[in-house]
């Protein structure tokens, strides 16, 4: 992986898989990712609607980055992604 390559992502971070699964259902029902991130995410990024900004590959959790690489811009993970921080729902911005 090219260390200079960057991606732009947002996420919702929760402690438990069932919480993430409930939020994924809400997204499928048409709820706003940004609104859910602001309300439910345990990450500091919640105040920015879950936006993590530009991140260089190799700087974040490997499981998180692997999930980001599989997404196209605008796509959201369909299953919770587990990392050492908890469970993520990830939206790739670019």
PDB file of N, CA and C in Angstrom:
ATOM      1  N   UNK A   1       0.846  -1.189   0.000  1.00  0.00           N
ATOM      2  CA  UNK A   1       0.000   0.000   0.000  1.00  0.00           C
ATOM      3  C   UNK A   1       0.886   1.244   0.000  1.00  0.00           C
ATOM      4  N   UNK A   2       0.509   2.208  -0.781  1.00  0.00           N
ATOM      5  CA  UNK A   2       1.269   3.451  -0.885  1.00  0.00           C
ATOM      6  C   UNK A   2       0.981   4.336   0.324  1.00  0.00           C
ATOM      7  N   UNK A   3       1.988   4.638   1.102  1.00  0.00           N
ATOM      8  CA  UNK A   3       1.810   5.436   2.322  1.00  0.00           C
ATOM      9  C   UNK A   3       1.371   6.870   2.004  1.00  0.00           C
ATOM     10  N   UNK A   4       1.609   7.336   0.772  1.00  0.00           N
ATOM     11  CA  UNK A   4       1.216   8.693   0.405  1.00  0.00           C
ATOM     12  C   UNK A   4      -0.248   8.767  -0.022  1.00  0.00           C
ATOM     13  N   UNK A   5      -0.839   7.617  -0.289  1.00  0.00           N
ATOM     14  CA  UNK A   5      -2.238   7.574  -0.701  1.00  0.00           C
ATOM     15  C   UNK A   5      -3.123   7.948   0.491  1.00  0.00           C
ATOM     16  N   UNK A   6      -4.134   8.777   0.233  1.00  0.00           N
ATOM     17  CA  UNK A   6      -5.024   9.233   1.292  1.00  0.00           C
ATOM     18  C   UNK A   6      -6.461   8.902   0.955  1.00  0.00           C
ATOM     19  N   UNK A   7      -7.262   8.886   1.973  1.00  0.00           N
ATOM     20  CA  UNK A   7      -8.699   8.713   1.791  1.00  0.00           C
ATOM     21  C   UNK A   7      -9.409   9.666   2.746  1.00  0.00           C
ATOM     22  N   UNK A   8     -10.658   9.949   2.451  1.00  0.00           N
ATOM     23  CA  UNK A   8     -11.484  10.819   3.284  1.00  0.00           C
ATOM     24  C   UNK A   8     -12.673   9.972   3.718  1.00  0.00           C
ATOM     25  N   UNK A   9     -12.853   9.832   5.024  1.00  0.00           N
ATOM     26  CA  UNK A   9     -13.929   8.982   5.534  1.00  0.00           C
ATOM     27  C   UNK A   9     -14.598   9.625   6.741  1.00  0.00           C
ATOM     28  N   UNK A  10     -15.797   9.135   7.005  1.00  0.00           N
ATOM     29  CA  UNK A  10     -16.535   9.491   8.218  1.00  0.00           C
ATOM     30  C   UNK A  10     -16.946   8.176   8.859  1.00  0.00           C
ATOM     31  N   UNK A  11     -17.215   8.217  10.149  1.00  0.00           N
ATOM     32  CA  UNK A  11     -17.655   6.983  10.793  1.00  0.00           C
ATOM     33  C   UNK A  11     -18.558   7.279  11.981  1.00  0.00           C
ATOM     34  N   UNK A  12     -19.234   6.219  12.397  1.00  0.00           N
ATOM     35  CA  UNK A  12     -19.989   6.215  13.640  1.00  0.00           C
ATOM     36  C   UNK A  12     -19.337   5.113  14.469  1.00  0.00           C
ATOM     37  N   UNK A  13     -18.860   5.448  15.638  1.00  0.00           N
ATOM     38  CA  UNK A  13     -18.178   4.494  16.511  1.00  0.00           C
ATOM     39  C   UNK A  13     -19.046   4.205  17.726  1.00  0.00           C
ATOM     40  N   UNK A  14     -19.324   2.915  17.957  1.00  0.00           N
ATOM     41  CA  UNK A  14     -20.092   2.482  19.123  1.00  0.00           C
ATOM     42  C   UNK A  14     -19.367   1.317  19.798  1.00  0.00           C
ATOM     43  N   UNK A  15     -19.767   0.999  21.030  1.00  0.00           N
ATOM     44  CA  UNK A  15     -19.083  -0.049  21.795  1.00  0.00           C
ATOM     45  C   UNK A  15     -19.484  -1.463  21.391  1.00  0.00           C
ATOM     46  N   UNK A  16     -20.735  -1.648  20.974  1.00  0.00           N
ATOM     47  CA  UNK A  16     -21.267  -2.989  20.767  1.00  0.00           C
ATOM     48  C   UNK A  16     -21.759  -3.204  19.334  1.00  0.00           C
ATOM     49  N   UNK A  17     -21.611  -4.439  18.844  1.00  0.00           N
ATOM     50  CA  UNK A  17     -22.058  -4.775  17.486  1.00  0.00           C
ATOM     51  C   UNK A  17     -23.552  -4.529  17.322  1.00  0.00           C
ATOM     52  N   UNK A  18     -24.349  -4.868  18.348  1.00  0.00           N
ATOM     53  CA  UNK A  18     -25.810  -4.696  18.210  1.00  0.00           C
ATOM     54  C   UNK A  18     -26.174  -3.216  18.024  1.00  0.00           C
ATOM     55  N   UNK A  19     -25.411  -2.311  18.637  1.00  0.00           N
ATOM     56  CA  UNK A  19     -25.676  -0.878  18.447  1.00  0.00           C
ATOM     57  C   UNK A  19     -25.424  -0.495  16.996  1.00  0.00           C
ATOM     58  N   UNK A  20     -24.308  -0.973  16.458  1.00  0.00           N
ATOM     59  CA  UNK A  20     -23.967  -0.669  15.063  1.00  0.00           C
ATOM     60  C   UNK A  20     -25.010  -1.260  14.122  1.00  0.00           C
ATOM     61  N   UNK A  21     -25.456  -2.480  14.396  1.00  0.00           N
ATOM     62  CA  UNK A  21     -26.468  -3.106  13.549  1.00  0.00           C
ATOM     63  C   UNK A  21     -27.775  -2.318  13.577  1.00  0.00           C
ATOM     64  N   UNK A  22     -28.159  -1.814  14.738  1.00  0.00           N
ATOM     65  CA  UNK A  22     -29.368  -0.977  14.839  1.00  0.00           C
ATOM     66  C   UNK A  22     -29.220   0.297  14.009  1.00  0.00           C
ATOM     67  N   UNK A  23     -28.042   0.902  14.055  1.00  0.00           N
ATOM     68  CA  UNK A  23     -27.812   2.125  13.278  1.00  0.00           C
ATOM     69  C   UNK A  23     -27.802   1.834  11.782  1.00  0.00           C
ATOM     70  N   UNK A  24     -27.264   0.696  11.377  1.00  0.00           N
ATOM     71  CA  UNK A  24     -27.278   0.318   9.958  1.00  0.00           C
ATOM     72  C   UNK A  24     -28.721   0.158   9.484  1.00  0.00           C
ATOM     73  N   UNK A  25     -29.593  -0.396  10.330  1.00  0.00           N
ATOM     74  CA  UNK A  25     -31.022  -0.511   9.985  1.00  0.00           C
ATOM     75  C   UNK A  25     -31.631   0.873   9.820  1.00  0.00           C
ATOM     76  N   UNK A  26     -31.288   1.804  10.706  1.00  0.00           N
ATOM     77  CA  UNK A  26     -31.819   3.172  10.608  1.00  0.00           C
ATOM     78  C   UNK A  26     -31.359   3.832   9.302  1.00  0.00           C
ATOM     79  N   UNK A  27     -30.111   3.580   8.904  1.00  0.00           N
ATOM     80  CA  UNK A  27     -29.612   4.113   7.632  1.00  0.00           C
ATOM     81  C   UNK A  27     -30.413   3.539   6.464  1.00  0.00           C
ATOM     82  N   UNK A  28     -30.702   2.236   6.525  1.00  0.00           N
ATOM     83  CA  UNK A  28     -31.481   1.581   5.461  1.00  0.00           C
ATOM     84  C   UNK A  28     -32.899   2.149   5.382  1.00  0.00           C
ATOM     85  N   UNK A  29     -33.398   2.648   6.509  1.00  0.00           N
ATOM     86  CA  UNK A  29     -34.734   3.259   6.545  1.00  0.00           C
ATOM     87  C   UNK A  29     -34.709   4.707   6.066  1.00  0.00           C
ATOM     88  N   UNK A  30     -33.522   5.219   5.739  1.00  0.00           N
ATOM     89  CA  UNK A  30     -33.431   6.565   5.194  1.00  0.00           C
ATOM     90  C   UNK A  30     -32.915   7.633   6.142  1.00  0.00           C
ATOM     91  N   UNK A  31     -32.521   7.237   7.345  1.00  0.00           N
ATOM     92  CA  UNK A  31     -31.972   8.225   8.279  1.00  0.00           C
ATOM     93  C   UNK A  31     -30.634   8.745   7.747  1.00  0.00           C
ATOM     94  N   UNK A  32     -30.295   9.947   8.132  1.00  0.00           N
ATOM     95  CA  UNK A  32     -29.064  10.600   7.698  1.00  0.00           C
ATOM     96  C   UNK A  32     -27.855  10.065   8.465  1.00  0.00           C
ATOM     97  N   UNK A  33     -26.815   9.673   7.724  1.00  0.00           N
ATOM     98  CA  UNK A  33     -25.572   9.214   8.344  1.00  0.00           C
ATOM     99  C   UNK A  33     -25.032  10.285   9.280  1.00  0.00           C
ATOM    100  N   UNK A  34     -25.007  11.510   8.804  1.00  0.00           N
ATOM    101  CA  UNK A  34     -24.439  12.616   9.573  1.00  0.00           C
ATOM    102  C   UNK A  34     -25.205  12.863  10.877  1.00  0.00           C
ATOM    103  N   UNK A  35     -26.528  12.769  10.791  1.00  0.00           N
ATOM    104  CA  UNK A  35     -27.370  12.963  11.972  1.00  0.00           C
ATOM    105  C   UNK A  35     -27.117  11.844  12.998  1.00  0.00           C
ATOM    106  N   UNK A  36     -27.051  10.606  12.524  1.00  0.00           N
ATOM    107  CA  UNK A  36     -26.800   9.474  13.418  1.00  0.00           C
ATOM    108  C   UNK A  36     -25.398   9.554  14.032  1.00  0.00           C
ATOM    109  N   UNK A  37     -24.420   9.983  13.235  1.00  0.00           N
ATOM    110  CA  UNK A  37     -23.049  10.118  13.748  1.00  0.00           C
ATOM    111  C   UNK A  37     -23.002  11.146  14.872  1.00  0.00           C
ATOM    112  N   UNK A  38     -23.652  12.272  14.661  1.00  0.00           N
ATOM    113  CA  UNK A  38     -23.668  13.335  15.664  1.00  0.00           C
ATOM    114  C   UNK A  38     -24.326  12.862  16.960  1.00  0.00           C
ATOM    115  N   UNK A  39     -25.398  12.091  16.827  1.00  0.00           N
ATOM    116  CA  UNK A  39     -26.187  11.682  17.987  1.00  0.00           C
ATOM    117  C   UNK A  39     -25.616  10.462  18.726  1.00  0.00           C
ATOM    118  N   UNK A  40     -25.026   9.496  17.991  1.00  0.00           N
ATOM    119  CA  UNK A  40     -24.681   8.223  18.614  1.00  0.00           C
ATOM    120  C   UNK A  40     -23.193   7.871  18.675  1.00  0.00           C
ATOM    121  N   UNK A  41     -22.350   8.521  17.889  1.00  0.00           N
ATOM    122  CA  UNK A  41     -20.940   8.120  17.853  1.00  0.00           C
ATOM    123  C   UNK A  41     -20.213   8.450  19.148  1.00  0.00           C
ATOM    124  N   UNK A  42     -19.349   7.531  19.579  1.00  0.00           N
ATOM    125  CA  UNK A  42     -18.526   7.719  20.779  1.00  0.00           C
ATOM    126  C   UNK A  42     -17.194   8.397  20.467  1.00  0.00           C
ATOM    127  N   UNK A  43     -17.014   8.821  19.247  1.00  0.00           N
ATOM    128  CA  UNK A  43     -15.755   9.434  18.814  1.00  0.00           C
ATOM    129  C   UNK A  43     -15.861  10.959  18.860  1.00  0.00           C
ATOM    130  N   UNK A  44     -14.714  11.605  19.048  1.00  0.00           N
ATOM    131  CA  UNK A  44     -14.666  13.075  19.008  1.00  0.00           C
ATOM    132  C   UNK A  44     -15.204  13.618  17.683  1.00  0.00           C
ATOM    133  N   UNK A  45     -15.106  12.798  16.618  1.00  0.00           N
ATOM    134  CA  UNK A  45     -15.579  13.240  15.299  1.00  0.00           C
ATOM    135  C   UNK A  45     -17.095  13.436  15.254  1.00  0.00           C
ATOM    136  N   UNK A  46     -17.816  13.000  16.286  1.00  0.00           N
ATOM    137  CA  UNK A  46     -19.274  13.165  16.306  1.00  0.00           C
ATOM    138  C   UNK A  46     -19.656  14.630  16.147  1.00  0.00           C
ATOM    139  N   UNK A  47     -18.850  15.525  16.711  1.00  0.00           N
ATOM    140  CA  UNK A  47     -19.169  16.953  16.604  1.00  0.00           C
ATOM    141  C   UNK A  47     -19.008  17.463  15.171  1.00  0.00           C
ATOM    142  N   UNK A  48     -18.342  16.669  14.316  1.00  0.00           N
ATOM    143  CA  UNK A  48     -18.183  17.003  12.889  1.00  0.00           C
ATOM    144  C   UNK A  48     -18.980  16.043  12.020  1.00  0.00           C
ATOM    145  N   UNK A  49     -20.088  15.533  12.555  1.00  0.00           N
ATOM    146  CA  UNK A  49     -20.962  14.600  11.838  1.00  0.00           C
ATOM    147  C   UNK A  49     -20.223  13.317  11.452  1.00  0.00           C
ATOM    148  N   UNK A  50     -19.228  12.941  12.250  1.00  0.00           N
ATOM    149  CA  UNK A  50     -18.470  11.715  12.009  1.00  0.00           C
ATOM    150  C   UNK A  50     -17.299  11.875  11.059  1.00  0.00           C
ATOM    151  N   UNK A  51     -17.122  13.067  10.508  1.00  0.00           N
ATOM    152  CA  UNK A  51     -16.072  13.298   9.504  1.00  0.00           C
ATOM    153  C   UNK A  51     -14.686  13.223  10.137  1.00  0.00           C
ATOM    154  N   UNK A  52     -13.863  12.313   9.601  1.00  0.00           N
ATOM    155  CA  UNK A  52     -12.491  12.138  10.088  1.00  0.00           C
ATOM    156  C   UNK A  52     -11.476  12.926   9.269  1.00  0.00           C
ATOM    157  N   UNK A  53     -11.931  13.524   8.175  1.00  0.00           N
ATOM    158  CA  UNK A  53     -11.018  14.270   7.308  1.00  0.00           C
ATOM    159  C   UNK A  53     -10.170  13.340   6.459  1.00  0.00           C
ATOM    160  N   UNK A  54      -9.094  13.894   5.909  1.00  0.00           N
ATOM    161  CA  UNK A  54      -8.174  13.124   5.068  1.00  0.00           C
ATOM    162  C   UNK A  54      -7.230  12.326   5.956  1.00  0.00           C
ATOM    163  N   UNK A  55      -7.088  11.040   5.657  1.00  0.00           N
ATOM    164  CA  UNK A  55      -6.201  10.165   6.426  1.00  0.00           C
ATOM    165  C   UNK A  55      -5.278   9.443   5.459  1.00  0.00           C
ATOM    166  N   UNK A  56      -3.994   9.430   5.760  1.00  0.00           N
ATOM    167  CA  UNK A  56      -3.035   8.681   4.939  1.00  0.00           C
ATOM    168  C   UNK A  56      -3.157   7.202   5.264  1.00  0.00           C
ATOM    169  N   UNK A  57      -3.168   6.356   4.222  1.00  0.00           N
ATOM    170  CA  UNK A  57      -3.199   4.919   4.459  1.00  0.00           C
ATOM    171  C   UNK A  57      -2.006   4.536   5.312  1.00  0.00           C
ATOM    172  N   UNK A  58      -2.249   3.638   6.260  1.00  0.00           N
ATOM    173  CA  UNK A  58      -1.201   3.199   7.170  1.00  0.00           C
ATOM    174  C   UNK A  58      -1.234   3.932   8.495  1.00  0.00           C
ATOM    175  N   UNK A  59      -2.082   4.931   8.630  1.00  0.00           N
ATOM    176  CA  UNK A  59      -2.149   5.737   9.857  1.00  0.00           C
ATOM    177  C   UNK A  59      -3.302   5.339  10.774  1.00  0.00           C
ATOM    178  N   UNK A  60      -4.261   4.577  10.263  1.00  0.00           N
ATOM    179  CA  UNK A  60      -5.423   4.191  11.067  1.00  0.00           C
ATOM    180  C   UNK A  60      -5.400   2.680  11.316  1.00  0.00           C
ATOM    181  N   UNK A  61      -6.388   2.200  12.060  1.00  0.00           N
ATOM    182  CA  UNK A  61      -6.502   0.776  12.357  1.00  0.00           C
ATOM    183  C   UNK A  61      -6.567  -0.021  11.047  1.00  0.00           C
ATOM    184  N   UNK A  62      -5.803  -1.103  10.918  1.00  0.00           N
ATOM    185  CA  UNK A  62      -5.780  -1.880   9.664  1.00  0.00           C
ATOM    186  C   UNK A  62      -7.153  -2.409   9.244  1.00  0.00           C
ATOM    187  N   UNK A  63      -7.970  -2.858  10.189  1.00  0.00           N
ATOM    188  CA  UNK A  63      -9.303  -3.353   9.834  1.00  0.00           C
ATOM    189  C   UNK A  63     -10.185  -2.234   9.286  1.00  0.00           C
ATOM    190  N   UNK A  64     -10.045  -1.046   9.862  1.00  0.00           N
ATOM    191  CA  UNK A  64     -10.779   0.129   9.403  1.00  0.00           C
ATOM    192  C   UNK A  64     -10.363   0.455   7.967  1.00  0.00           C
ATOM    193  N   UNK A  65      -9.054   0.502   7.734  1.00  0.00           N
ATOM    194  CA  UNK A  65      -8.553   0.855   6.397  1.00  0.00           C
ATOM    195  C   UNK A  65      -8.933  -0.175   5.347  1.00  0.00           C
ATOM    196  N   UNK A  66      -8.923  -1.447   5.725  1.00  0.00           N
ATOM    197  CA  UNK A  66      -9.315  -2.496   4.783  1.00  0.00           C
ATOM    198  C   UNK A  66     -10.763  -2.293   4.348  1.00  0.00           C
ATOM    199  N   UNK A  67     -11.632  -1.946   5.288  1.00  0.00           N
ATOM    200  CA  UNK A  67     -13.041  -1.692   4.970  1.00  0.00           C
ATOM    201  C   UNK A  67     -13.187  -0.458   4.076  1.00  0.00           C
ATOM    202  N   UNK A  68     -12.424   0.594   4.364  1.00  0.00           N
ATOM    203  CA  UNK A  68     -12.487   1.822   3.557  1.00  0.00           C
ATOM    204  C   UNK A  68     -12.092   1.526   2.110  1.00  0.00           C
ATOM    205  N   UNK A  69     -11.052   0.717   1.935  1.00  0.00           N
ATOM    206  CA  UNK A  69     -10.580   0.407   0.583  1.00  0.00           C
ATOM    207  C   UNK A  69     -11.629  -0.298  -0.261  1.00  0.00           C
ATOM    208  N   UNK A  70     -12.533  -1.043   0.366  1.00  0.00           N
ATOM    209  CA  UNK A  70     -13.570  -1.774  -0.367  1.00  0.00           C
ATOM    210  C   UNK A  70     -14.753  -0.896  -0.751  1.00  0.00           C
ATOM    211  N   UNK A  71     -14.824   0.296  -0.171  1.00  0.00           N
ATOM    212  CA  UNK A  71     -15.933   1.211  -0.453  1.00  0.00           C
ATOM    213  C   UNK A  71     -15.611   2.160  -1.594  1.00  0.00           C
ATOM    214  N   UNK A  72     -16.642   2.498  -2.349  1.00  0.00           N
ATOM    215  CA  UNK A  72     -16.527   3.566  -3.343  1.00  0.00           C
ATOM    216  C   UNK A  72     -16.982   4.850  -2.655  1.00  0.00           C
ATOM    217  N   UNK A  73     -16.533   6.016  -3.130  1.00  0.00           N
ATOM    218  CA  UNK A  73     -17.003   7.264  -2.526  1.00  0.00           C
ATOM    219  C   UNK A  73     -18.534   7.305  -2.457  1.00  0.00           C
ATOM    220  N   UNK A  74     -19.037   7.679  -1.271  1.00  0.00           N
ATOM    221  CA  UNK A  74     -20.474   7.745  -1.036  1.00  0.00           C
ATOM    222  C   UNK A  74     -21.051   6.477  -0.428  1.00  0.00           C
ATOM    223  N   UNK A  75     -20.316   5.382  -0.493  1.00  0.00           N
ATOM    224  CA  UNK A  75     -20.821   4.126   0.062  1.00  0.00           C
ATOM    225  C   UNK A  75     -20.598   4.047   1.569  1.00  0.00           C
ATOM    226  N   UNK A  76     -21.465   3.271   2.220  1.00  0.00           N
ATOM    227  CA  UNK A  76     -21.417   3.046   3.666  1.00  0.00           C
ATOM    228  C   UNK A  76     -21.326   1.545   3.903  1.00  0.00           C
ATOM    229  N   UNK A  77     -20.542   1.128   4.885  1.00  0.00           N
ATOM    230  CA  UNK A  77     -20.430  -0.298   5.198  1.00  0.00           C
ATOM    231  C   UNK A  77     -21.804  -0.870   5.543  1.00  0.00           C
ATOM    232  N   UNK A  78     -22.047  -2.095   5.106  1.00  0.00           N
ATOM    233  CA  UNK A  78     -23.329  -2.765   5.345  1.00  0.00           C
ATOM    234  C   UNK A  78     -23.303  -3.585   6.633  1.00  0.00           C
ATOM    235  N   UNK A  79     -22.098  -3.814   7.174  1.00  0.00           N
ATOM    236  CA  UNK A  79     -21.927  -4.559   8.418  1.00  0.00           C
ATOM    237  C   UNK A  79     -20.986  -3.775   9.326  1.00  0.00           C
ATOM    238  N   UNK A  80     -21.127  -3.950  10.642  1.00  0.00           N
ATOM    239  CA  UNK A  80     -20.202  -3.281  11.565  1.00  0.00           C
ATOM    240  C   UNK A  80     -18.765  -3.753  11.334  1.00  0.00           C
ATOM    241  N   UNK A  81     -17.821  -2.835  11.415  1.00  0.00           N
ATOM    242  CA  UNK A  81     -16.404  -3.141  11.277  1.00  0.00           C
ATOM    243  C   UNK A  81     -15.781  -3.052  12.667  1.00  0.00           C
ATOM    244  N   UNK A  82     -15.206  -4.152  13.129  1.00  0.00           N
ATOM    245  CA  UNK A  82     -14.625  -4.168  14.468  1.00  0.00           C
ATOM    246  C   UNK A  82     -13.172  -3.725  14.420  1.00  0.00           C
ATOM    247  N   UNK A  83     -12.808  -2.890  15.371  1.00  0.00           N
ATOM    248  CA  UNK A  83     -11.407  -2.496  15.558  1.00  0.00           C
ATOM    249  C   UNK A  83     -11.139  -2.498  17.055  1.00  0.00           C
ATOM    250  N   UNK A  84      -9.953  -2.146  17.423  1.00  0.00           N
ATOM    251  CA  UNK A  84      -9.618  -2.107  18.861  1.00  0.00           C
ATOM    252  C   UNK A  84     -10.394  -1.005  19.591  1.00  0.00           C
ATOM    253  N   UNK A  85     -11.009  -0.094  18.843  1.00  0.00           N
ATOM    254  CA  UNK A  85     -11.756   1.014  19.437  1.00  0.00           C
ATOM    255  C   UNK A  85     -13.233   0.692  19.657  1.00  0.00           C
ATOM    256  N   UNK A  86     -13.746  -0.316  18.964  1.00  0.00           N
ATOM    257  CA  UNK A  86     -15.152  -0.667  19.043  1.00  0.00           C
ATOM    258  C   UNK A  86     -15.665  -1.085  17.677  1.00  0.00           C
ATOM    259  N   UNK A  87     -16.907  -0.732  17.385  1.00  0.00           N
ATOM    260  CA  UNK A  87     -17.543  -1.093  16.121  1.00  0.00           C
ATOM    261  C   UNK A  87     -17.848   0.162  15.326  1.00  0.00           C
ATOM    262  N   UNK A  88     -17.463   0.133  14.061  1.00  0.00           N
ATOM    263  CA  UNK A  88     -17.590   1.290  13.177  1.00  0.00           C
ATOM    264  C   UNK A  88     -18.617   1.036  12.086  1.00  0.00           C
ATOM    265  N   UNK A  89     -19.310   2.094  11.730  1.00  0.00           N
ATOM    266  CA  UNK A  89     -20.052   2.154  10.470  1.00  0.00           C
ATOM    267  C   UNK A  89     -19.294   3.240   9.702  1.00  0.00           C
ATOM    268  N   UNK A  90     -18.793   2.883   8.550  1.00  0.00           N
ATOM    269  CA  UNK A  90     -17.880   3.780   7.829  1.00  0.00           C
ATOM    270  C   UNK A  90     -18.541   4.279   6.544  1.00  0.00           C
ATOM    271  N   UNK A  91     -18.378   5.561   6.279  1.00  0.00           N
ATOM    272  CA  UNK A  91     -18.807   6.166   5.030  1.00  0.00           C
ATOM    273  C   UNK A  91     -17.573   6.718   4.349  1.00  0.00           C
ATOM    274  N   UNK A  92     -17.318   6.257   3.130  1.00  0.00           N
ATOM    275  CA  UNK A  92     -16.182   6.796   2.374  1.00  0.00           C
ATOM    276  C   UNK A  92     -16.648   8.045   1.654  1.00  0.00           C
ATOM    277  N   UNK A  93     -15.921   9.122   1.840  1.00  0.00           N
ATOM    278  CA  UNK A  93     -16.264  10.391   1.204  1.00  0.00           C
ATOM    279  C   UNK A  93     -15.483  10.529  -0.102  1.00  0.00           C
ATOM    280  N   UNK A  94     -14.185  10.226  -0.064  1.00  0.00           N
ATOM    281  CA  UNK A  94     -13.373  10.224  -1.301  1.00  0.00           C
ATOM    282  C   UNK A  94     -12.176   9.327  -1.120  1.00  0.00           C
TER     283      UNK A  94
END
